[in-house]
Amino acid sequence: MPDLRHDRATYDTPSSGADAVANYDEYFVFYGKEDRYDWKLLGKKEIFIHYNNNAMVHVTAEVGHQPHFMNPDIVRWELHRVWVVDATLRSDSRNVVPHRRYYVDEDTWHATLGDECDGQGNIWKVDMMFVENRPELPATIFSNVVIYNLQANEYVTLDGSWADPPYQQSLDSRPVPPNTFDPQSMAAESQF
């Protein structure tokens, strides 16, 4: 994952790790500074979002990817409540994406979907952050980001467990002790 703490590779800089299909500020649907946009909360609605996509982490890259989109057999959809957030480019700023709309899942607070418009107001890209359900943690966690460039008819996956043989559980997904989120435990882990 790129280090975006400095301005060297931020905003709409094409990502070399994504074959220039995605920009650095598209990682995790939106990643980086928010200062170039005016943000507006449009409200809450119910829509179908990709959710609990555990099948995605148990297949190879060859099985998961098709020529123009992810294999629909591994993408699961659920009706969820989402917060809709609009981002409009400020008049004193520049970015190749002048308008964005995000759909933030009410349960996980992940921005699971993002629509990006070009200068003419047409949808240019669709960003999707996939999550998987990990009851052993217990948590619903990030597993992959897919960015579709609709105008160029191409897409890229920015993360994920694409490998042969299929994904195996990693050390960082071991169950956490029940007292991990107790106030005393959290205070002991904090850094001042």
N, C-alpha and C. Protein backbone atom coordinates (compact mmCIF):
# COMPACT_ATOMS: atom_id res chain seq x y z
N MET A 1 0.85 -1.17 0.00
CA MET A 1 0.00 0.00 0.00
C MET A 1 0.90 1.23 0.00
N PRO A 2 0.58 2.22 -0.80
CA PRO A 2 1.42 3.41 -0.87
C PRO A 2 1.37 4.22 0.41
N ASP A 3 2.43 4.94 0.69
CA ASP A 3 2.49 5.83 1.83
C ASP A 3 1.98 7.19 1.37
N LEU A 4 0.79 7.58 1.81
CA LEU A 4 0.19 8.82 1.36
C LEU A 4 0.31 9.94 2.38
N ARG A 5 1.24 9.83 3.31
CA ARG A 5 1.40 10.87 4.32
C ARG A 5 2.06 12.12 3.75
N HIS A 6 2.67 11.99 2.61
CA HIS A 6 3.32 13.13 1.98
C HIS A 6 2.65 13.39 0.64
N ASP A 7 2.84 14.57 0.09
CA ASP A 7 2.17 14.94 -1.16
C ASP A 7 2.83 14.37 -2.40
N ARG A 8 3.84 13.54 -2.26
CA ARG A 8 4.53 13.01 -3.44
C ARG A 8 3.62 12.16 -4.31
N ALA A 9 2.80 11.35 -3.72
CA ALA A 9 1.91 10.47 -4.49
C ALA A 9 0.54 10.51 -3.85
N THR A 10 -0.22 11.54 -4.17
CA THR A 10 -1.54 11.69 -3.56
C THR A 10 -2.54 12.17 -4.60
N TYR A 11 -3.72 12.42 -4.11
CA TYR A 11 -4.81 12.93 -4.93
C TYR A 11 -5.00 12.09 -6.20
N ASP A 12 -5.00 12.76 -7.35
CA ASP A 12 -5.30 12.06 -8.60
C ASP A 12 -4.06 11.61 -9.36
N THR A 13 -2.96 11.42 -8.65
CA THR A 13 -1.77 10.85 -9.27
C THR A 13 -2.07 9.41 -9.67
N PRO A 14 -1.85 9.04 -10.94
CA PRO A 14 -2.10 7.65 -11.34
C PRO A 14 -1.22 6.70 -10.54
N SER A 15 -1.81 5.63 -10.07
CA SER A 15 -1.09 4.66 -9.24
C SER A 15 -0.32 3.69 -10.13
N SER A 16 0.98 3.63 -9.94
CA SER A 16 1.78 2.68 -10.70
C SER A 16 1.44 1.24 -10.33
N GLY A 17 0.97 1.02 -9.11
CA GLY A 17 0.59 -0.31 -8.68
C GLY A 17 -0.74 -0.77 -9.24
N ALA A 18 -1.45 0.13 -9.90
CA ALA A 18 -2.76 -0.20 -10.47
C ALA A 18 -2.76 0.00 -11.98
N ASP A 19 -1.58 -0.04 -12.57
CA ASP A 19 -1.43 0.08 -14.03
C ASP A 19 -2.13 1.32 -14.57
N ALA A 20 -2.14 2.39 -13.77
CA ALA A 20 -2.73 3.69 -14.11
C ALA A 20 -4.24 3.63 -14.35
N VAL A 21 -4.89 2.52 -14.01
CA VAL A 21 -6.35 2.46 -14.08
C VAL A 21 -6.95 3.24 -12.91
N ALA A 22 -6.24 3.23 -11.79
CA ALA A 22 -6.71 3.91 -10.58
C ALA A 22 -5.72 4.98 -10.15
N ASN A 23 -6.24 5.96 -9.44
CA ASN A 23 -5.40 7.01 -8.85
C ASN A 23 -5.23 6.71 -7.38
N TYR A 24 -4.23 7.36 -6.77
CA TYR A 24 -3.96 7.10 -5.37
C TYR A 24 -5.14 7.43 -4.46
N ASP A 25 -5.92 8.45 -4.80
CA ASP A 25 -7.03 8.80 -3.91
C ASP A 25 -8.25 7.89 -4.08
N GLU A 26 -8.14 6.86 -4.93
CA GLU A 26 -9.23 5.90 -5.10
C GLU A 26 -9.04 4.62 -4.28
N TYR A 27 -7.87 4.47 -3.68
CA TYR A 27 -7.66 3.32 -2.81
C TYR A 27 -8.70 3.37 -1.69
N PHE A 28 -9.24 2.23 -1.32
CA PHE A 28 -10.27 2.13 -0.28
C PHE A 28 -11.50 2.98 -0.63
N VAL A 29 -11.82 3.14 -1.89
CA VAL A 29 -12.90 3.95 -2.45
C VAL A 29 -12.54 5.44 -2.37
N PHE A 30 -12.12 5.94 -1.23
CA PHE A 30 -11.52 7.28 -1.14
C PHE A 30 -10.43 7.21 -0.10
N TYR A 31 -9.27 7.74 -0.47
CA TYR A 31 -8.12 7.65 0.43
C TYR A 31 -7.30 8.92 0.30
N GLY A 32 -6.98 9.52 1.40
CA GLY A 32 -6.14 10.71 1.36
C GLY A 32 -6.84 11.93 1.91
N LYS A 33 -6.33 13.07 1.51
CA LYS A 33 -6.84 14.34 2.02
C LYS A 33 -8.20 14.67 1.41
N GLU A 34 -9.02 15.32 2.21
CA GLU A 34 -10.37 15.68 1.78
C GLU A 34 -10.49 17.15 1.42
N ASP A 35 -9.36 17.86 1.40
CA ASP A 35 -9.39 19.32 1.29
C ASP A 35 -9.75 19.87 -0.08
N ARG A 36 -9.78 19.09 -1.12
CA ARG A 36 -10.09 19.61 -2.45
C ARG A 36 -11.57 19.53 -2.81
N TYR A 37 -12.36 18.99 -1.91
CA TYR A 37 -13.79 18.80 -2.19
C TYR A 37 -14.66 19.48 -1.15
N ASP A 38 -15.85 19.88 -1.58
CA ASP A 38 -16.91 20.27 -0.66
C ASP A 38 -17.75 19.03 -0.45
N TRP A 39 -17.99 18.70 0.81
CA TRP A 39 -18.66 17.45 1.17
C TRP A 39 -20.08 17.74 1.64
N LYS A 40 -21.00 16.88 1.23
CA LYS A 40 -22.39 17.06 1.63
C LYS A 40 -23.02 15.70 1.92
N LEU A 41 -23.62 15.58 3.09
CA LEU A 41 -24.36 14.37 3.45
C LEU A 41 -25.75 14.47 2.85
N LEU A 42 -26.09 13.54 1.94
CA LEU A 42 -27.38 13.58 1.25
C LEU A 42 -28.48 12.81 1.97
N GLY A 43 -28.10 11.94 2.91
CA GLY A 43 -29.10 11.19 3.65
C GLY A 43 -28.82 9.71 3.61
N LYS A 44 -29.82 8.95 4.04
CA LYS A 44 -29.69 7.50 4.15
C LYS A 44 -30.70 6.83 3.23
N LYS A 45 -30.30 5.68 2.65
CA LYS A 45 -31.22 4.92 1.81
C LYS A 45 -30.84 3.45 1.85
N GLU A 46 -31.71 2.60 1.35
CA GLU A 46 -31.42 1.17 1.24
C GLU A 46 -31.08 0.85 -0.20
N ILE A 47 -29.94 0.18 -0.39
CA ILE A 47 -29.53 -0.27 -1.71
C ILE A 47 -28.86 -1.63 -1.56
N PHE A 48 -28.72 -2.33 -2.67
CA PHE A 48 -27.97 -3.58 -2.66
C PHE A 48 -26.49 -3.25 -2.77
N ILE A 49 -25.71 -3.79 -1.83
CA ILE A 49 -24.27 -3.62 -1.88
C ILE A 49 -23.62 -5.00 -1.79
N HIS A 50 -22.41 -5.09 -2.29
CA HIS A 50 -21.65 -6.33 -2.18
C HIS A 50 -21.23 -6.45 -0.72
N TYR A 51 -21.46 -7.62 -0.12
CA TYR A 51 -21.28 -7.72 1.33
C TYR A 51 -20.96 -9.16 1.70
N ASN A 52 -20.12 -9.34 2.72
CA ASN A 52 -19.70 -10.66 3.20
C ASN A 52 -19.22 -11.53 2.04
N ASN A 53 -18.25 -11.03 1.32
CA ASN A 53 -17.73 -11.71 0.14
C ASN A 53 -16.60 -12.66 0.49
N ASN A 54 -16.87 -13.58 1.39
CA ASN A 54 -15.87 -14.55 1.82
C ASN A 54 -15.40 -15.45 0.68
N ALA A 55 -16.26 -15.72 -0.28
CA ALA A 55 -15.87 -16.57 -1.40
C ALA A 55 -14.71 -15.97 -2.18
N MET A 56 -14.61 -14.65 -2.19
CA MET A 56 -13.57 -13.97 -2.95
C MET A 56 -12.16 -14.32 -2.47
N VAL A 57 -12.01 -14.56 -1.18
CA VAL A 57 -10.67 -14.82 -0.65
C VAL A 57 -10.29 -16.30 -0.69
N HIS A 58 -11.16 -17.10 -1.25
CA HIS A 58 -10.88 -18.54 -1.31
C HIS A 58 -10.71 -19.05 -2.74
N VAL A 59 -10.49 -18.14 -3.67
CA VAL A 59 -10.29 -18.54 -5.06
C VAL A 59 -8.98 -17.93 -5.57
N THR A 60 -8.51 -18.48 -6.65
CA THR A 60 -7.31 -17.94 -7.28
C THR A 60 -7.66 -16.70 -8.09
N ALA A 61 -6.64 -15.96 -8.48
CA ALA A 61 -6.84 -14.78 -9.32
C ALA A 61 -7.50 -15.17 -10.64
N GLU A 62 -7.11 -16.29 -11.16
CA GLU A 62 -7.68 -16.74 -12.44
C GLU A 62 -9.18 -16.98 -12.33
N VAL A 63 -9.64 -17.55 -11.23
CA VAL A 63 -11.06 -17.80 -11.02
C VAL A 63 -11.80 -16.49 -10.70
N GLY A 64 -11.16 -15.61 -9.94
CA GLY A 64 -11.81 -14.38 -9.49
C GLY A 64 -12.01 -13.33 -10.55
N HIS A 65 -11.13 -13.31 -11.53
CA HIS A 65 -11.17 -12.26 -12.54
C HIS A 65 -11.69 -12.77 -13.88
N GLN A 66 -12.57 -11.99 -14.48
CA GLN A 66 -13.01 -12.24 -15.84
C GLN A 66 -12.53 -11.05 -16.69
N PRO A 67 -12.66 -11.14 -18.00
CA PRO A 67 -12.08 -10.07 -18.84
C PRO A 67 -12.55 -8.66 -18.51
N HIS A 68 -13.82 -8.46 -18.15
CA HIS A 68 -14.33 -7.10 -17.96
C HIS A 68 -14.89 -6.81 -16.57
N PHE A 69 -14.95 -7.83 -15.71
CA PHE A 69 -15.50 -7.64 -14.37
C PHE A 69 -15.16 -8.85 -13.50
N MET A 70 -15.37 -8.70 -12.20
CA MET A 70 -15.13 -9.79 -11.27
C MET A 70 -16.11 -10.93 -11.56
N ASN A 71 -15.69 -12.14 -11.26
CA ASN A 71 -16.53 -13.31 -11.45
C ASN A 71 -17.80 -13.16 -10.59
N PRO A 72 -18.98 -13.07 -11.19
CA PRO A 72 -20.19 -12.86 -10.39
C PRO A 72 -20.51 -14.02 -9.45
N ASP A 73 -19.93 -15.19 -9.66
CA ASP A 73 -20.16 -16.31 -8.76
C ASP A 73 -19.52 -16.11 -7.39
N ILE A 74 -18.58 -15.18 -7.28
CA ILE A 74 -17.92 -14.95 -5.98
C ILE A 74 -18.31 -13.63 -5.35
N VAL A 75 -19.22 -12.88 -5.98
CA VAL A 75 -19.66 -11.60 -5.44
C VAL A 75 -21.06 -11.77 -4.88
N ARG A 76 -21.20 -11.49 -3.60
CA ARG A 76 -22.48 -11.66 -2.90
C ARG A 76 -23.08 -10.29 -2.63
N TRP A 77 -24.38 -10.13 -2.79
CA TRP A 77 -25.07 -8.85 -2.62
C TRP A 77 -26.10 -8.96 -1.51
N GLU A 78 -26.26 -7.88 -0.74
CA GLU A 78 -27.26 -7.79 0.33
C GLU A 78 -27.88 -6.40 0.31
N LEU A 79 -29.14 -6.34 0.72
CA LEU A 79 -29.81 -5.06 0.89
C LEU A 79 -29.34 -4.44 2.20
N HIS A 80 -28.76 -3.25 2.13
CA HIS A 80 -28.22 -2.58 3.33
C HIS A 80 -28.61 -1.12 3.34
N ARG A 81 -28.62 -0.57 4.56
CA ARG A 81 -28.78 0.87 4.71
C ARG A 81 -27.40 1.52 4.52
N VAL A 82 -27.36 2.55 3.72
CA VAL A 82 -26.11 3.28 3.48
C VAL A 82 -26.36 4.77 3.64
N TRP A 83 -25.32 5.48 4.04
CA TRP A 83 -25.32 6.93 4.03
C TRP A 83 -24.76 7.36 2.69
N VAL A 84 -25.41 8.32 2.05
CA VAL A 84 -24.97 8.82 0.75
C VAL A 84 -24.26 10.15 0.97
N VAL A 85 -23.01 10.22 0.47
CA VAL A 85 -22.18 11.40 0.66
C VAL A 85 -21.71 11.89 -0.71
N ASP A 86 -21.89 13.17 -0.97
CA ASP A 86 -21.47 13.79 -2.22
C ASP A 86 -20.18 14.59 -2.00
N ALA A 87 -19.29 14.53 -2.97
CA ALA A 87 -18.06 15.31 -2.93
C ALA A 87 -17.95 16.06 -4.25
N THR A 88 -17.95 17.39 -4.18
CA THR A 88 -17.84 18.23 -5.37
C THR A 88 -16.54 19.02 -5.28
N LEU A 89 -15.78 18.99 -6.37
CA LEU A 89 -14.49 19.66 -6.40
C LEU A 89 -14.65 21.15 -6.12
N ARG A 90 -13.83 21.66 -5.23
CA ARG A 90 -13.85 23.10 -4.90
C ARG A 90 -13.36 23.91 -6.10
N SER A 91 -13.86 25.09 -6.26
CA SER A 91 -13.51 25.93 -7.42
C SER A 91 -12.04 26.32 -7.44
N ASP A 92 -11.37 26.31 -6.29
CA ASP A 92 -9.95 26.68 -6.22
C ASP A 92 -9.02 25.47 -6.26
N SER A 93 -9.55 24.30 -6.61
CA SER A 93 -8.76 23.07 -6.59
C SER A 93 -8.83 22.37 -7.95
N ARG A 94 -7.95 21.39 -8.13
CA ARG A 94 -7.99 20.59 -9.34
C ARG A 94 -7.93 19.11 -8.96
N ASN A 95 -8.60 18.29 -9.73
CA ASN A 95 -8.58 16.85 -9.64
C ASN A 95 -9.25 16.34 -10.90
N VAL A 96 -8.81 15.22 -11.44
CA VAL A 96 -9.41 14.70 -12.66
C VAL A 96 -10.84 14.22 -12.42
N VAL A 97 -11.21 14.06 -11.16
CA VAL A 97 -12.58 13.64 -10.82
C VAL A 97 -13.28 14.83 -10.15
N PRO A 98 -14.11 15.57 -10.89
CA PRO A 98 -14.75 16.75 -10.30
C PRO A 98 -15.94 16.44 -9.39
N HIS A 99 -16.52 15.25 -9.52
CA HIS A 99 -17.67 14.92 -8.67
C HIS A 99 -17.61 13.44 -8.30
N ARG A 100 -17.85 13.17 -7.02
CA ARG A 100 -17.86 11.80 -6.50
C ARG A 100 -19.09 11.63 -5.62
N ARG A 101 -19.59 10.42 -5.59
CA ARG A 101 -20.67 10.08 -4.66
C ARG A 101 -20.30 8.77 -4.00
N TYR A 102 -20.43 8.74 -2.67
CA TYR A 102 -20.06 7.57 -1.89
C TYR A 102 -21.25 7.01 -1.16
N TYR A 103 -21.22 5.68 -0.99
CA TYR A 103 -22.26 4.96 -0.27
C TYR A 103 -21.57 4.26 0.90
N VAL A 104 -21.85 4.76 2.11
CA VAL A 104 -21.16 4.29 3.31
C VAL A 104 -22.09 3.35 4.07
N ASP A 105 -21.67 2.10 4.21
CA ASP A 105 -22.48 1.09 4.90
C ASP A 105 -22.72 1.50 6.34
N GLU A 106 -23.98 1.50 6.74
CA GLU A 106 -24.35 1.91 8.10
C GLU A 106 -23.79 0.99 9.18
N ASP A 107 -23.59 -0.28 8.85
CA ASP A 107 -23.12 -1.23 9.86
C ASP A 107 -21.61 -1.20 10.07
N THR A 108 -20.85 -1.11 9.00
CA THR A 108 -19.38 -1.18 9.12
C THR A 108 -18.70 0.17 9.01
N TRP A 109 -19.40 1.16 8.49
CA TRP A 109 -18.86 2.49 8.20
C TRP A 109 -17.77 2.43 7.13
N HIS A 110 -17.77 1.37 6.32
CA HIS A 110 -16.91 1.31 5.14
C HIS A 110 -17.62 2.03 4.01
N ALA A 111 -16.89 2.83 3.25
CA ALA A 111 -17.42 3.37 2.00
C ALA A 111 -17.35 2.22 1.00
N THR A 112 -18.44 1.52 0.83
CA THR A 112 -18.41 0.30 0.03
C THR A 112 -18.51 0.56 -1.47
N LEU A 113 -19.16 1.65 -1.85
CA LEU A 113 -19.31 1.99 -3.27
C LEU A 113 -18.97 3.45 -3.49
N GLY A 114 -18.43 3.74 -4.66
CA GLY A 114 -18.18 5.12 -5.05
C GLY A 114 -18.40 5.29 -6.53
N ASP A 115 -19.12 6.34 -6.90
CA ASP A 115 -19.30 6.71 -8.30
C ASP A 115 -18.45 7.94 -8.55
N GLU A 116 -17.69 7.92 -9.64
CA GLU A 116 -16.85 9.06 -10.00
C GLU A 116 -17.27 9.56 -11.37
N CYS A 117 -17.47 10.87 -11.48
CA CYS A 117 -17.93 11.46 -12.74
C CYS A 117 -16.80 12.22 -13.41
N ASP A 118 -16.87 12.27 -14.74
CA ASP A 118 -15.90 13.04 -15.50
C ASP A 118 -16.34 14.51 -15.57
N GLY A 119 -15.62 15.33 -16.32
CA GLY A 119 -15.94 16.75 -16.42
C GLY A 119 -17.28 17.05 -17.06
N GLN A 120 -17.84 16.11 -17.81
CA GLN A 120 -19.15 16.30 -18.43
C GLN A 120 -20.30 15.77 -17.56
N GLY A 121 -19.97 15.24 -16.38
CA GLY A 121 -20.99 14.73 -15.47
C GLY A 121 -21.38 13.29 -15.71
N ASN A 122 -20.67 12.60 -16.59
CA ASN A 122 -20.96 11.18 -16.87
C ASN A 122 -20.20 10.29 -15.90
N ILE A 123 -20.81 9.19 -15.49
CA ILE A 123 -20.10 8.26 -14.62
C ILE A 123 -18.91 7.70 -15.38
N TRP A 124 -17.76 7.83 -14.77
CA TRP A 124 -16.49 7.44 -15.39
C TRP A 124 -15.98 6.16 -14.75
N LYS A 125 -15.95 6.16 -13.41
CA LYS A 125 -15.44 5.01 -12.67
C LYS A 125 -16.40 4.62 -11.57
N VAL A 126 -16.36 3.34 -11.21
CA VAL A 126 -17.10 2.83 -10.06
C VAL A 126 -16.08 2.12 -9.17
N ASP A 127 -16.06 2.53 -7.91
CA ASP A 127 -15.15 1.95 -6.92
C ASP A 127 -15.94 1.04 -6.00
N MET A 128 -15.39 -0.13 -5.69
CA MET A 128 -16.06 -1.07 -4.81
C MET A 128 -15.08 -1.61 -3.77
N MET A 129 -15.41 -1.44 -2.49
CA MET A 129 -14.60 -2.04 -1.44
C MET A 129 -15.33 -3.27 -0.93
N PHE A 130 -14.68 -4.41 -1.05
CA PHE A 130 -15.26 -5.68 -0.61
C PHE A 130 -14.87 -5.97 0.83
N VAL A 131 -15.80 -6.57 1.55
CA VAL A 131 -15.56 -6.96 2.94
C VAL A 131 -15.85 -8.44 3.08
N GLU A 132 -15.26 -9.01 4.10
CA GLU A 132 -15.54 -10.41 4.43
C GLU A 132 -15.94 -10.49 5.89
N ASN A 133 -16.79 -11.44 6.19
CA ASN A 133 -17.25 -11.68 7.55
C ASN A 133 -16.27 -12.63 8.23
N ARG A 134 -15.71 -12.23 9.36
CA ARG A 134 -14.76 -13.06 10.10
C ARG A 134 -15.29 -13.29 11.51
N PRO A 135 -16.17 -14.28 11.70
CA PRO A 135 -16.77 -14.51 13.02
C PRO A 135 -15.74 -14.86 14.08
N GLU A 136 -14.58 -15.39 13.70
CA GLU A 136 -13.58 -15.75 14.70
C GLU A 136 -12.93 -14.52 15.33
N LEU A 137 -13.06 -13.33 14.72
CA LEU A 137 -12.45 -12.13 15.29
C LEU A 137 -13.23 -11.54 16.47
N PRO A 138 -14.46 -11.28 16.46
CA PRO A 138 -15.46 -11.21 15.40
C PRO A 138 -15.43 -9.83 14.75
N ALA A 139 -15.56 -9.79 13.42
CA ALA A 139 -15.56 -8.51 12.71
C ALA A 139 -15.92 -8.73 11.25
N THR A 140 -16.31 -7.66 10.62
CA THR A 140 -16.43 -7.60 9.17
C THR A 140 -15.29 -6.71 8.72
N ILE A 141 -14.38 -7.27 7.91
CA ILE A 141 -13.14 -6.56 7.60
C ILE A 141 -12.98 -6.35 6.09
N PHE A 142 -12.13 -5.40 5.75
CA PHE A 142 -11.78 -5.10 4.37
C PHE A 142 -11.05 -6.29 3.77
N SER A 143 -11.35 -6.60 2.50
CA SER A 143 -10.61 -7.67 1.84
C SER A 143 -10.10 -7.29 0.45
N ASN A 144 -10.74 -6.36 -0.24
CA ASN A 144 -10.30 -6.05 -1.59
C ASN A 144 -10.98 -4.77 -2.09
N VAL A 145 -10.33 -4.08 -3.00
CA VAL A 145 -10.92 -2.94 -3.69
C VAL A 145 -10.85 -3.20 -5.19
N VAL A 146 -11.94 -2.94 -5.87
CA VAL A 146 -11.98 -3.07 -7.32
C VAL A 146 -12.42 -1.73 -7.89
N ILE A 147 -11.68 -1.25 -8.89
CA ILE A 147 -12.04 -0.01 -9.56
C ILE A 147 -12.31 -0.32 -11.02
N TYR A 148 -13.52 0.04 -11.45
CA TYR A 148 -13.94 -0.15 -12.83
C TYR A 148 -13.86 1.19 -13.55
N ASN A 149 -13.12 1.26 -14.65
CA ASN A 149 -13.13 2.42 -15.52
C ASN A 149 -14.12 2.07 -16.64
N LEU A 150 -15.33 2.59 -16.53
CA LEU A 150 -16.40 2.22 -17.46
C LEU A 150 -16.15 2.74 -18.87
N GLN A 151 -15.50 3.89 -18.97
CA GLN A 151 -15.28 4.47 -20.29
C GLN A 151 -14.19 3.74 -21.06
N ALA A 152 -13.20 3.19 -20.35
CA ALA A 152 -12.12 2.45 -21.01
C ALA A 152 -12.39 0.95 -21.02
N ASN A 153 -13.47 0.52 -20.36
CA ASN A 153 -13.84 -0.89 -20.29
C ASN A 153 -12.70 -1.74 -19.71
N GLU A 154 -12.19 -1.28 -18.55
CA GLU A 154 -11.14 -2.02 -17.87
C GLU A 154 -11.34 -1.89 -16.36
N TYR A 155 -10.71 -2.77 -15.62
CA TYR A 155 -10.79 -2.69 -14.16
C TYR A 155 -9.50 -3.21 -13.55
N VAL A 156 -9.35 -2.91 -12.27
CA VAL A 156 -8.17 -3.35 -11.54
C VAL A 156 -8.59 -3.70 -10.12
N THR A 157 -7.98 -4.74 -9.57
CA THR A 157 -8.15 -5.04 -8.15
C THR A 157 -6.91 -4.54 -7.44
N LEU A 158 -7.11 -3.82 -6.35
CA LEU A 158 -6.00 -3.16 -5.67
C LEU A 158 -5.47 -3.93 -4.48
N ASP A 159 -6.12 -4.97 -4.11
CA ASP A 159 -5.68 -5.72 -2.95
C ASP A 159 -6.24 -7.12 -3.10
N GLY A 160 -6.34 -7.81 -2.03
CA GLY A 160 -6.94 -9.13 -2.09
C GLY A 160 -5.92 -10.22 -1.90
N SER A 161 -6.43 -11.40 -1.85
CA SER A 161 -5.61 -12.58 -1.55
C SER A 161 -5.47 -13.46 -2.76
N TRP A 162 -5.21 -12.88 -3.91
CA TRP A 162 -5.12 -13.64 -5.15
C TRP A 162 -3.80 -14.38 -5.19
N ALA A 163 -3.86 -15.67 -5.03
CA ALA A 163 -2.64 -16.47 -5.06
C ALA A 163 -3.01 -17.92 -5.31
N ASP A 164 -2.06 -18.67 -5.82
CA ASP A 164 -2.21 -20.12 -5.93
C ASP A 164 -1.35 -20.74 -4.85
N PRO A 165 -1.80 -21.64 -4.04
CA PRO A 165 -3.17 -22.11 -3.94
C PRO A 165 -4.06 -21.04 -3.30
N PRO A 166 -5.37 -21.28 -3.26
CA PRO A 166 -6.26 -20.26 -2.68
C PRO A 166 -5.83 -19.84 -1.28
N TYR A 167 -6.27 -18.64 -0.94
CA TYR A 167 -5.98 -17.96 0.32
C TYR A 167 -6.06 -18.88 1.54
N GLN A 168 -5.11 -18.71 2.42
CA GLN A 168 -5.14 -19.39 3.71
C GLN A 168 -5.23 -18.34 4.81
N GLN A 169 -5.85 -18.67 5.93
CA GLN A 169 -6.03 -17.71 7.02
C GLN A 169 -4.68 -17.21 7.49
N SER A 170 -4.55 -15.89 7.61
CA SER A 170 -3.29 -15.29 8.03
C SER A 170 -3.23 -15.14 9.54
N LEU A 171 -2.03 -14.88 10.05
CA LEU A 171 -1.84 -14.75 11.49
C LEU A 171 -2.60 -13.58 12.08
N ASP A 172 -2.80 -12.52 11.31
CA ASP A 172 -3.46 -11.34 11.86
C ASP A 172 -4.98 -11.51 11.97
N SER A 173 -5.52 -12.66 11.63
CA SER A 173 -6.96 -12.87 11.77
C SER A 173 -7.28 -13.89 12.85
N ARG A 174 -6.34 -14.08 13.77
CA ARG A 174 -6.63 -14.96 14.90
C ARG A 174 -7.69 -14.32 15.79
N PRO A 175 -8.47 -15.12 16.51
CA PRO A 175 -9.47 -14.54 17.41
C PRO A 175 -8.81 -13.64 18.45
N VAL A 176 -9.51 -12.58 18.79
CA VAL A 176 -8.98 -11.67 19.82
C VAL A 176 -9.59 -12.04 21.16
N PRO A 177 -8.84 -11.82 22.24
CA PRO A 177 -9.39 -12.13 23.57
C PRO A 177 -10.64 -11.30 23.84
N PRO A 178 -11.59 -11.85 24.60
CA PRO A 178 -12.85 -11.14 24.86
C PRO A 178 -12.67 -9.77 25.51
N ASN A 179 -11.61 -9.57 26.27
CA ASN A 179 -11.43 -8.28 26.97
C ASN A 179 -10.71 -7.23 26.13
N THR A 180 -10.43 -7.50 24.86
CA THR A 180 -9.68 -6.58 24.02
C THR A 180 -10.30 -5.19 23.98
N PHE A 181 -11.63 -5.11 23.95
CA PHE A 181 -12.28 -3.81 23.81
C PHE A 181 -12.85 -3.29 25.12
N ASP A 182 -12.44 -3.87 26.25
CA ASP A 182 -12.80 -3.31 27.55
C ASP A 182 -12.09 -1.97 27.71
N PRO A 183 -12.70 -1.01 28.41
CA PRO A 183 -12.05 0.31 28.58
C PRO A 183 -10.64 0.22 29.15
N GLN A 184 -10.42 -0.69 30.12
CA GLN A 184 -9.10 -0.80 30.73
C GLN A 184 -8.07 -1.30 29.73
N SER A 185 -8.44 -2.30 28.93
CA SER A 185 -7.52 -2.84 27.93
C SER A 185 -7.20 -1.81 26.86
N MET A 186 -8.22 -1.08 26.43
CA MET A 186 -7.99 -0.07 25.41
C MET A 186 -7.10 1.05 25.92
N ALA A 187 -7.31 1.45 27.18
CA ALA A 187 -6.46 2.51 27.76
C ALA A 187 -5.02 2.03 27.88
N ALA A 188 -4.83 0.76 28.22
CA ALA A 188 -3.47 0.22 28.36
C ALA A 188 -2.75 0.17 27.02
N GLU A 189 -3.48 0.02 25.93
CA GLU A 189 -2.89 -0.05 24.59
C GLU A 189 -2.70 1.31 23.94
N SER A 190 -3.31 2.34 24.51
CA SER A 190 -3.26 3.66 23.85
C SER A 190 -1.86 4.26 23.94
N GLN A 191 -1.59 5.15 23.00
CA GLN A 191 -0.31 5.86 22.98
C GLN A 191 -0.59 7.34 23.10
N PHE A 192 0.14 7.99 23.97
CA PHE A 192 -0.06 9.43 24.17
C PHE A 192 1.14 10.18 23.68
